[in-house]
Amino acid sequence: MSGSGFSINTTGVREFGAQLRGDLDGTLVPESEPITRTFGGGIPFGRRSASAEVQGAAWDYYQQMDQALRLLNNFAHNAEVFIEAVNSVVDAYQHADSLSGQQMRNVIDHAGAVVNAPAVWEQRYENSHGVQ
């Protein structure tokens, strides 16, 4: 191609999005649910111990596990956003004659805003796992 333009393989990009969707729906989400059920309900040790050290270790364990589960949930959320962005970018590219560069930027900015909005995924995580 000559000039300053670019071209993309829209079929390949859509296939990438579909593969990511398959991985998300087929592996990440189903595998994360039993992990969250097993480890998200609290800790199985130390709560009734008379030892302050054991109670402290139990609390540390709980905090680390909670953070790991939140990160897992965030990863799934970000994958959802990325899949949506992939499809939006391909749609926008295919309709480039009617889109300005600013409209394309809006698609990308929207994806970035959703990824960087931790309150959304944290609230969804807390609601779905009964966290108060």
N, C-alpha and C. Protein backbone atom coordinates (compact mmCIF):
# COMPACT_ATOMS: atom_id res chain seq x y z
N MET A 1 0.84 -1.17 0.00
CA MET A 1 0.00 0.00 0.00
C MET A 1 0.89 1.23 0.00
N SER A 2 0.50 2.22 -0.75
CA SER A 2 1.29 3.45 -0.78
C SER A 2 0.59 4.52 0.04
N GLY A 3 1.31 5.56 0.36
CA GLY A 3 0.73 6.65 1.13
C GLY A 3 0.82 6.39 2.62
N SER A 4 0.03 7.18 3.37
CA SER A 4 0.10 7.08 4.82
C SER A 4 -1.04 6.27 5.41
N GLY A 5 -1.87 5.66 4.61
CA GLY A 5 -2.99 4.87 5.10
C GLY A 5 -2.55 3.51 5.63
N PHE A 6 -3.49 2.76 6.08
CA PHE A 6 -3.20 1.43 6.57
C PHE A 6 -4.37 0.52 6.23
N SER A 7 -4.13 -0.76 6.31
CA SER A 7 -5.22 -1.71 6.10
C SER A 7 -5.08 -2.82 7.14
N ILE A 8 -6.21 -3.41 7.47
CA ILE A 8 -6.20 -4.51 8.42
C ILE A 8 -6.96 -5.69 7.84
N ASN A 9 -6.64 -6.85 8.32
CA ASN A 9 -7.34 -8.07 7.94
C ASN A 9 -8.55 -8.18 8.86
N THR A 10 -9.68 -7.66 8.41
CA THR A 10 -10.87 -7.62 9.27
C THR A 10 -11.34 -9.02 9.63
N THR A 11 -11.19 -9.97 8.73
CA THR A 11 -11.58 -11.35 9.04
C THR A 11 -10.70 -11.91 10.15
N GLY A 12 -9.41 -11.67 10.04
CA GLY A 12 -8.48 -12.14 11.07
C GLY A 12 -8.74 -11.51 12.42
N VAL A 13 -9.04 -10.22 12.42
CA VAL A 13 -9.31 -9.53 13.68
C VAL A 13 -10.61 -10.07 14.30
N ARG A 14 -11.62 -10.25 13.48
CA ARG A 14 -12.88 -10.83 13.99
C ARG A 14 -12.65 -12.25 14.51
N GLU A 15 -11.84 -13.03 13.81
CA GLU A 15 -11.53 -14.39 14.28
C GLU A 15 -10.82 -14.35 15.63
N PHE A 16 -9.90 -13.38 15.79
CA PHE A 16 -9.21 -13.21 17.07
C PHE A 16 -10.22 -12.92 18.17
N GLY A 17 -11.15 -11.99 17.91
CA GLY A 17 -12.19 -11.67 18.89
C GLY A 17 -13.05 -12.88 19.22
N ALA A 18 -13.39 -13.66 18.21
CA ALA A 18 -14.20 -14.86 18.43
C ALA A 18 -13.43 -15.90 19.25
N GLN A 19 -12.14 -16.03 18.98
CA GLN A 19 -11.33 -16.97 19.75
C GLN A 19 -11.22 -16.52 21.20
N LEU A 20 -11.02 -15.24 21.41
CA LEU A 20 -10.97 -14.71 22.77
C LEU A 20 -12.31 -14.93 23.48
N ARG A 21 -13.41 -14.70 22.76
CA ARG A 21 -14.74 -14.95 23.32
C ARG A 21 -14.88 -16.43 23.72
N GLY A 22 -14.41 -17.32 22.85
CA GLY A 22 -14.48 -18.75 23.16
C GLY A 22 -13.66 -19.10 24.39
N ASP A 23 -12.46 -18.52 24.49
CA ASP A 23 -11.61 -18.78 25.66
C ASP A 23 -12.25 -18.23 26.93
N LEU A 24 -12.81 -17.04 26.82
CA LEU A 24 -13.44 -16.42 27.99
C LEU A 24 -14.65 -17.25 28.46
N ASP A 25 -15.54 -17.55 27.52
CA ASP A 25 -16.76 -18.28 27.87
C ASP A 25 -16.52 -19.76 28.14
N GLY A 26 -15.52 -20.32 27.47
CA GLY A 26 -15.29 -21.75 27.59
C GLY A 26 -14.34 -22.14 28.70
N THR A 27 -13.47 -21.22 29.12
CA THR A 27 -12.47 -21.57 30.12
C THR A 27 -12.45 -20.61 31.30
N LEU A 28 -12.17 -19.35 31.04
CA LEU A 28 -11.93 -18.42 32.14
C LEU A 28 -13.13 -18.29 33.07
N VAL A 29 -14.29 -18.00 32.52
CA VAL A 29 -15.48 -17.81 33.36
C VAL A 29 -15.87 -19.11 34.06
N PRO A 30 -16.00 -20.23 33.33
CA PRO A 30 -16.39 -21.47 34.03
C PRO A 30 -15.36 -21.94 35.07
N GLU A 31 -14.08 -21.73 34.79
CA GLU A 31 -13.05 -22.17 35.73
C GLU A 31 -12.94 -21.22 36.93
N SER A 32 -13.27 -19.95 36.73
CA SER A 32 -13.15 -19.01 37.84
C SER A 32 -14.31 -19.14 38.82
N GLU A 33 -15.46 -19.60 38.36
CA GLU A 33 -16.61 -19.73 39.26
C GLU A 33 -16.35 -20.70 40.41
N PRO A 34 -15.84 -21.93 40.16
CA PRO A 34 -15.57 -22.80 41.32
C PRO A 34 -14.44 -22.28 42.21
N ILE A 35 -13.49 -21.58 41.61
CA ILE A 35 -12.41 -21.00 42.42
C ILE A 35 -13.00 -19.96 43.37
N THR A 36 -13.88 -19.12 42.84
CA THR A 36 -14.50 -18.10 43.66
C THR A 36 -15.40 -18.72 44.73
N ARG A 37 -16.17 -19.75 44.36
CA ARG A 37 -17.02 -20.42 45.35
C ARG A 37 -16.17 -21.04 46.46
N THR A 38 -15.06 -21.65 46.08
CA THR A 38 -14.21 -22.33 47.06
C THR A 38 -13.50 -21.36 47.98
N PHE A 39 -12.94 -20.29 47.42
CA PHE A 39 -12.08 -19.41 48.20
C PHE A 39 -12.71 -18.06 48.54
N GLY A 40 -13.85 -17.74 47.97
CA GLY A 40 -14.44 -16.43 48.18
C GLY A 40 -15.32 -16.33 49.41
N GLY A 41 -15.65 -17.44 50.01
CA GLY A 41 -16.57 -17.41 51.14
C GLY A 41 -15.91 -17.23 52.48
N GLY A 42 -14.68 -16.87 52.51
CA GLY A 42 -13.98 -16.72 53.78
C GLY A 42 -12.84 -17.72 53.87
N ILE A 43 -12.29 -17.83 55.02
CA ILE A 43 -11.13 -18.69 55.21
C ILE A 43 -11.48 -19.85 56.14
N PRO A 44 -10.93 -21.01 55.87
CA PRO A 44 -11.31 -22.20 56.64
C PRO A 44 -10.49 -22.40 57.91
N PHE A 45 -9.62 -21.49 58.26
CA PHE A 45 -8.79 -21.72 59.43
C PHE A 45 -8.57 -20.43 60.21
N GLY A 46 -8.26 -20.56 61.47
CA GLY A 46 -7.78 -19.45 62.27
C GLY A 46 -8.80 -18.56 62.93
N ARG A 47 -10.05 -18.62 62.50
CA ARG A 47 -11.03 -17.70 63.06
C ARG A 47 -11.28 -17.93 64.55
N ARG A 48 -11.23 -19.16 64.97
CA ARG A 48 -11.53 -19.48 66.36
C ARG A 48 -10.28 -19.73 67.20
N SER A 49 -9.15 -19.52 66.60
CA SER A 49 -7.91 -19.77 67.31
C SER A 49 -7.69 -18.73 68.40
N ALA A 50 -7.13 -19.18 69.51
CA ALA A 50 -6.78 -18.26 70.59
C ALA A 50 -5.49 -17.51 70.26
N SER A 51 -4.76 -17.99 69.27
CA SER A 51 -3.47 -17.40 68.92
C SER A 51 -3.66 -16.18 68.03
N ALA A 52 -3.12 -15.06 68.48
CA ALA A 52 -3.17 -13.84 67.68
C ALA A 52 -2.39 -14.01 66.37
N GLU A 53 -1.30 -14.78 66.42
CA GLU A 53 -0.50 -15.01 65.21
C GLU A 53 -1.30 -15.79 64.18
N VAL A 54 -2.02 -16.82 64.63
CA VAL A 54 -2.83 -17.62 63.69
C VAL A 54 -3.96 -16.76 63.13
N GLN A 55 -4.60 -15.97 63.99
CA GLN A 55 -5.67 -15.09 63.50
C GLN A 55 -5.12 -14.06 62.50
N GLY A 56 -3.92 -13.53 62.79
CA GLY A 56 -3.29 -12.58 61.88
C GLY A 56 -2.95 -13.22 60.54
N ALA A 57 -2.44 -14.46 60.59
CA ALA A 57 -2.13 -15.18 59.35
C ALA A 57 -3.41 -15.46 58.56
N ALA A 58 -4.47 -15.82 59.26
CA ALA A 58 -5.75 -16.07 58.59
C ALA A 58 -6.26 -14.80 57.92
N TRP A 59 -6.15 -13.68 58.61
CA TRP A 59 -6.60 -12.41 58.03
C TRP A 59 -5.76 -12.03 56.81
N ASP A 60 -4.45 -12.19 56.90
CA ASP A 60 -3.57 -11.91 55.77
C ASP A 60 -3.93 -12.80 54.57
N TYR A 61 -4.16 -14.08 54.86
CA TYR A 61 -4.54 -15.03 53.81
C TYR A 61 -5.84 -14.57 53.14
N TYR A 62 -6.83 -14.22 53.96
CA TYR A 62 -8.11 -13.77 53.43
C TYR A 62 -7.93 -12.54 52.53
N GLN A 63 -7.16 -11.57 52.98
CA GLN A 63 -6.96 -10.36 52.19
C GLN A 63 -6.27 -10.66 50.86
N GLN A 64 -5.27 -11.52 50.88
CA GLN A 64 -4.57 -11.88 49.64
C GLN A 64 -5.49 -12.64 48.70
N MET A 65 -6.28 -13.57 49.23
CA MET A 65 -7.20 -14.34 48.40
C MET A 65 -8.28 -13.44 47.82
N ASP A 66 -8.79 -12.52 48.63
CA ASP A 66 -9.80 -11.58 48.15
C ASP A 66 -9.23 -10.75 47.00
N GLN A 67 -8.02 -10.27 47.14
CA GLN A 67 -7.39 -9.48 46.08
C GLN A 67 -7.20 -10.31 44.81
N ALA A 68 -6.77 -11.55 44.96
CA ALA A 68 -6.59 -12.43 43.80
C ALA A 68 -7.92 -12.68 43.09
N LEU A 69 -8.98 -12.90 43.84
CA LEU A 69 -10.29 -13.12 43.24
C LEU A 69 -10.81 -11.87 42.54
N ARG A 70 -10.54 -10.72 43.12
CA ARG A 70 -10.93 -9.46 42.47
C ARG A 70 -10.16 -9.26 41.17
N LEU A 71 -8.88 -9.59 41.18
CA LEU A 71 -8.08 -9.47 39.96
C LEU A 71 -8.56 -10.43 38.88
N LEU A 72 -8.92 -11.65 39.27
CA LEU A 72 -9.46 -12.61 38.32
C LEU A 72 -10.74 -12.08 37.70
N ASN A 73 -11.61 -11.53 38.52
CA ASN A 73 -12.85 -10.95 38.04
C ASN A 73 -12.58 -9.76 37.12
N ASN A 74 -11.60 -8.94 37.49
CA ASN A 74 -11.22 -7.79 36.67
C ASN A 74 -10.68 -8.24 35.32
N PHE A 75 -9.90 -9.31 35.31
CA PHE A 75 -9.37 -9.83 34.05
C PHE A 75 -10.50 -10.25 33.13
N ALA A 76 -11.50 -10.93 33.66
CA ALA A 76 -12.64 -11.34 32.84
C ALA A 76 -13.40 -10.11 32.33
N HIS A 77 -13.58 -9.12 33.18
CA HIS A 77 -14.24 -7.88 32.77
C HIS A 77 -13.47 -7.21 31.63
N ASN A 78 -12.15 -7.11 31.79
CA ASN A 78 -11.34 -6.46 30.76
C ASN A 78 -11.35 -7.23 29.46
N ALA A 79 -11.41 -8.55 29.53
CA ALA A 79 -11.50 -9.36 28.31
C ALA A 79 -12.82 -9.06 27.59
N GLU A 80 -13.91 -8.93 28.35
CA GLU A 80 -15.20 -8.56 27.75
C GLU A 80 -15.09 -7.22 27.02
N VAL A 81 -14.48 -6.26 27.68
CA VAL A 81 -14.32 -4.93 27.09
C VAL A 81 -13.46 -5.01 25.83
N PHE A 82 -12.40 -5.79 25.89
CA PHE A 82 -11.51 -5.92 24.74
C PHE A 82 -12.23 -6.56 23.55
N ILE A 83 -13.03 -7.58 23.81
CA ILE A 83 -13.79 -8.23 22.74
C ILE A 83 -14.74 -7.23 22.09
N GLU A 84 -15.42 -6.46 22.92
CA GLU A 84 -16.32 -5.43 22.39
C GLU A 84 -15.54 -4.41 21.56
N ALA A 85 -14.38 -4.01 22.06
CA ALA A 85 -13.57 -3.03 21.34
C ALA A 85 -13.08 -3.58 20.01
N VAL A 86 -12.66 -4.84 19.98
CA VAL A 86 -12.19 -5.47 18.74
C VAL A 86 -13.29 -5.40 17.69
N ASN A 87 -14.49 -5.80 18.09
CA ASN A 87 -15.60 -5.78 17.13
C ASN A 87 -15.98 -4.37 16.72
N SER A 88 -15.94 -3.43 17.66
CA SER A 88 -16.27 -2.04 17.34
C SER A 88 -15.25 -1.44 16.38
N VAL A 89 -13.99 -1.74 16.60
CA VAL A 89 -12.94 -1.20 15.71
C VAL A 89 -13.09 -1.76 14.30
N VAL A 90 -13.36 -3.06 14.18
CA VAL A 90 -13.55 -3.65 12.85
C VAL A 90 -14.78 -3.03 12.18
N ASP A 91 -15.87 -2.90 12.93
CA ASP A 91 -17.07 -2.26 12.36
C ASP A 91 -16.75 -0.85 11.89
N ALA A 92 -16.04 -0.11 12.73
CA ALA A 92 -15.70 1.27 12.37
C ALA A 92 -14.78 1.29 11.15
N TYR A 93 -13.82 0.38 11.09
CA TYR A 93 -12.89 0.32 9.96
C TYR A 93 -13.65 0.02 8.67
N GLN A 94 -14.60 -0.91 8.77
CA GLN A 94 -15.35 -1.29 7.57
C GLN A 94 -16.26 -0.16 7.10
N HIS A 95 -16.60 0.73 7.97
CA HIS A 95 -17.43 1.88 7.61
C HIS A 95 -16.63 3.17 7.65
N ALA A 96 -15.36 3.07 7.35
CA ALA A 96 -14.44 4.20 7.50
C ALA A 96 -14.83 5.39 6.64
N ASP A 97 -15.47 5.15 5.52
CA ASP A 97 -15.84 6.27 4.66
C ASP A 97 -16.80 7.22 5.37
N SER A 98 -17.59 6.70 6.28
CA SER A 98 -18.55 7.55 6.96
C SER A 98 -18.09 7.96 8.37
N LEU A 99 -16.90 7.52 8.75
CA LEU A 99 -16.39 7.85 10.08
C LEU A 99 -15.23 8.82 10.00
N SER A 100 -15.19 9.71 10.92
CA SER A 100 -14.02 10.57 11.02
C SER A 100 -13.03 9.95 11.99
N GLY A 101 -11.83 10.44 12.02
CA GLY A 101 -10.83 9.97 12.97
C GLY A 101 -11.29 10.16 14.40
N GLN A 102 -12.05 11.20 14.67
CA GLN A 102 -12.54 11.45 16.03
C GLN A 102 -13.52 10.37 16.46
N GLN A 103 -14.37 9.91 15.57
CA GLN A 103 -15.31 8.85 15.93
C GLN A 103 -14.57 7.56 16.27
N MET A 104 -13.52 7.25 15.53
CA MET A 104 -12.71 6.08 15.83
C MET A 104 -12.06 6.24 17.21
N ARG A 105 -11.58 7.43 17.48
CA ARG A 105 -10.96 7.72 18.78
C ARG A 105 -11.98 7.54 19.91
N ASN A 106 -13.23 7.92 19.66
CA ASN A 106 -14.28 7.76 20.66
C ASN A 106 -14.49 6.30 21.02
N VAL A 107 -14.44 5.41 20.03
CA VAL A 107 -14.57 3.97 20.29
C VAL A 107 -13.44 3.50 21.21
N ILE A 108 -12.24 3.91 20.89
CA ILE A 108 -11.07 3.50 21.68
C ILE A 108 -11.12 4.13 23.07
N ASP A 109 -11.49 5.40 23.16
CA ASP A 109 -11.58 6.07 24.46
C ASP A 109 -12.65 5.42 25.34
N HIS A 110 -13.76 5.02 24.74
CA HIS A 110 -14.82 4.36 25.51
C HIS A 110 -14.31 3.06 26.11
N ALA A 111 -13.61 2.26 25.33
CA ALA A 111 -13.06 1.01 25.84
C ALA A 111 -12.09 1.29 26.98
N GLY A 112 -11.25 2.30 26.82
CA GLY A 112 -10.30 2.65 27.87
C GLY A 112 -10.99 3.10 29.14
N ALA A 113 -12.07 3.86 29.00
CA ALA A 113 -12.80 4.34 30.18
C ALA A 113 -13.45 3.18 30.92
N VAL A 114 -13.99 2.21 30.18
CA VAL A 114 -14.64 1.07 30.82
C VAL A 114 -13.61 0.21 31.54
N VAL A 115 -12.47 -0.02 30.92
CA VAL A 115 -11.41 -0.80 31.56
C VAL A 115 -10.92 -0.10 32.81
N ASN A 116 -10.82 1.20 32.77
CA ASN A 116 -10.29 1.96 33.89
C ASN A 116 -11.34 2.39 34.90
N ALA A 117 -12.51 1.76 34.88
CA ALA A 117 -13.58 2.08 35.82
C ALA A 117 -13.72 0.94 36.81
N PRO A 118 -12.83 0.88 37.81
CA PRO A 118 -12.85 -0.27 38.72
C PRO A 118 -14.14 -0.39 39.51
N ALA A 119 -14.83 0.69 39.71
CA ALA A 119 -16.08 0.62 40.48
C ALA A 119 -17.08 -0.32 39.80
N VAL A 120 -17.08 -0.37 38.47
CA VAL A 120 -18.02 -1.21 37.75
C VAL A 120 -17.76 -2.68 38.04
N TRP A 121 -16.54 -3.15 37.81
CA TRP A 121 -16.28 -4.57 38.01
C TRP A 121 -16.24 -4.93 39.48
N GLU A 122 -15.77 -4.01 40.33
CA GLU A 122 -15.76 -4.31 41.77
C GLU A 122 -17.18 -4.43 42.29
N GLN A 123 -18.07 -3.54 41.86
CA GLN A 123 -19.45 -3.62 42.32
C GLN A 123 -20.11 -4.90 41.83
N ARG A 124 -19.85 -5.29 40.57
CA ARG A 124 -20.40 -6.53 40.04
C ARG A 124 -19.87 -7.72 40.83
N TYR A 125 -18.58 -7.70 41.14
CA TYR A 125 -17.97 -8.78 41.92
C TYR A 125 -18.61 -8.85 43.31
N GLU A 126 -18.71 -7.70 43.97
CA GLU A 126 -19.26 -7.68 45.32
C GLU A 126 -20.73 -8.09 45.34
N ASN A 127 -21.50 -7.65 44.36
CA ASN A 127 -22.91 -8.04 44.30
C ASN A 127 -23.07 -9.53 44.05
N SER A 128 -22.27 -10.08 43.15
CA SER A 128 -22.43 -11.49 42.82
C SER A 128 -21.86 -12.42 43.88
N HIS A 129 -21.04 -11.89 44.80
CA HIS A 129 -20.44 -12.74 45.83
C HIS A 129 -20.87 -12.34 47.24
N GLY A 130 -21.86 -11.48 47.32
CA GLY A 130 -22.42 -11.12 48.62
C GLY A 130 -21.47 -10.35 49.51
N VAL A 131 -20.52 -9.63 48.93
CA VAL A 131 -19.59 -8.83 49.71
C VAL A 131 -20.29 -7.54 50.11
N GLN A 132 -20.18 -7.17 51.34
CA GLN A 132 -20.81 -5.94 51.84
C GLN A 132 -19.80 -4.84 51.96
